Amino acid sequence: MNPLLVFLLLLKASATSFSGLTSLPVVRHDFVETRHAMTDRELNAAVAAGRTAPGPNGLYLVSVGYFVAGCAACLAPAFLIIPILHYPGWRATR
């Protein structure tokens, strides 16, 4: 798993998560054309999976993360947020 690709994916997800498919050209340029981390067919599958699932329109970025870096890219944000939020929670109770 390339940490730069995971960071780039998290950056795209956080900056464009509420805009739906308007981030698709940027994601395609970064992951298909520039870095060759995935193919157009994989990107199409990610968009189809994201559009068929209920939830926010930018949900396809989770599938892009799976195609780019595997399961670890999907699970890393969920496990990283716990220690990140632990410190502010600890400071708030002191």
Protein backbone atom coordinates (compact mmCIF):
# COMPACT_ATOMS: atom_id res chain seq x y z
CA MET A 1 0.00 0.00 0.00
CA ASN A 2 1.46 3.31 -1.08
CA PRO A 3 0.93 5.92 1.67
CA LEU A 4 0.97 8.76 -0.86
CA LEU A 5 -1.93 7.25 -2.79
CA VAL A 6 -3.92 6.68 0.39
CA PHE A 7 -3.28 10.28 1.48
CA LEU A 8 -4.31 11.54 -1.95
CA LEU A 9 -7.48 9.49 -1.80
CA LEU A 10 -8.32 10.76 1.69
CA LEU A 11 -7.68 14.32 0.52
CA LYS A 12 -10.01 13.86 -2.44
CA ALA A 13 -12.65 12.25 -0.25
CA SER A 14 -12.58 14.97 2.38
CA ALA A 15 -12.47 17.88 -0.06
CA THR A 16 -15.10 16.59 -2.45
CA SER A 17 -17.33 14.26 -0.44
CA PHE A 18 -20.40 16.47 -0.68
CA SER A 19 -20.12 17.31 -4.34
CA GLY A 20 -21.14 13.96 -5.76
CA LEU A 21 -19.75 13.12 -9.16
CA THR A 22 -18.21 16.53 -9.80
CA SER A 23 -14.95 15.19 -8.37
CA LEU A 24 -14.88 12.32 -10.87
CA PRO A 25 -12.70 14.11 -13.49
CA VAL A 26 -10.15 15.02 -10.82
CA VAL A 27 -10.09 11.48 -9.43
CA ARG A 28 -9.78 10.02 -12.93
CA HIS A 29 -6.93 12.36 -13.80
CA ASP A 30 -5.01 11.54 -10.61
CA PHE A 31 -5.52 7.78 -10.40
CA VAL A 32 -5.99 6.67 -14.02
CA GLU A 33 -4.01 9.08 -16.18
CA THR A 34 -1.22 10.35 -13.93
CA ARG A 35 -0.43 7.58 -11.45
CA HIS A 36 -1.83 4.55 -13.35
CA ALA A 37 -3.08 3.13 -10.05
CA MET A 38 -6.31 1.89 -11.59
CA THR A 39 -7.93 1.42 -14.97
CA ASP A 40 -10.98 3.10 -16.46
CA ARG A 41 -12.89 -0.15 -16.07
CA GLU A 42 -12.13 -0.25 -12.31
CA LEU A 43 -13.16 3.40 -11.98
CA ASN A 44 -16.43 2.65 -13.77
CA ALA A 45 -17.05 -0.28 -11.41
CA ALA A 46 -16.33 1.96 -8.41
CA VAL A 47 -18.78 4.60 -9.63
CA ALA A 48 -21.44 1.97 -10.31
CA ALA A 49 -20.98 0.49 -6.84
CA GLY A 50 -21.12 3.92 -5.23
CA ARG A 51 -24.22 4.99 -7.12
CA THR A 52 -26.20 1.84 -6.36
CA ALA A 53 -25.57 2.01 -2.61
CA PRO A 54 -27.68 4.35 -0.48
CA GLY A 55 -25.86 7.25 1.06
CA PRO A 56 -23.92 10.30 -0.05
CA ASN A 57 -23.16 10.82 -3.73
CA GLY A 58 -19.41 10.76 -3.12
CA LEU A 59 -19.55 7.23 -1.74
CA TYR A 60 -17.84 5.90 -4.85
CA LEU A 61 -14.53 7.14 -3.39
CA VAL A 62 -14.62 4.25 -0.92
CA SER A 63 -14.67 1.83 -3.85
CA VAL A 64 -11.87 3.76 -5.53
CA GLY A 65 -9.82 3.34 -2.35
CA TYR A 66 -10.47 -0.38 -2.40
CA PHE A 67 -9.35 -0.69 -6.03
CA VAL A 68 -6.26 1.48 -5.50
CA ALA A 69 -4.89 0.20 -2.20
CA GLY A 70 -7.00 -2.75 -1.16
CA CYS A 71 -8.98 -3.27 1.99
CA ALA A 72 -6.49 -1.37 4.16
CA ALA A 73 -7.38 1.91 2.43
CA CYS A 74 -11.04 1.42 3.33
CA LEU A 75 -10.35 0.51 6.94
CA ALA A 76 -7.50 2.92 7.71
CA PRO A 77 -9.62 6.10 8.13
CA ALA A 78 -11.97 4.36 10.54
CA PHE A 79 -9.12 3.13 12.72
CA LEU A 80 -7.08 6.33 12.49
CA ILE A 81 -9.89 8.58 13.65
CA ILE A 82 -9.99 6.91 17.07
CA PRO A 83 -6.49 8.00 18.19
CA ILE A 84 -6.85 11.33 16.41
CA LEU A 85 -10.02 12.21 18.36
CA HIS A 86 -8.80 10.72 21.61
CA TYR A 87 -6.48 13.63 22.33
CA PRO A 88 -9.07 16.44 21.92
CA GLY A 89 -11.52 14.41 23.98
CA TRP A 90 -8.93 13.97 26.69
CA ARG A 91 -8.10 17.69 26.63
CA ALA A 92 -11.79 18.61 26.86
CA THR A 93 -12.26 16.65 30.07
CA ARG A 94 -9.27 18.22 31.81
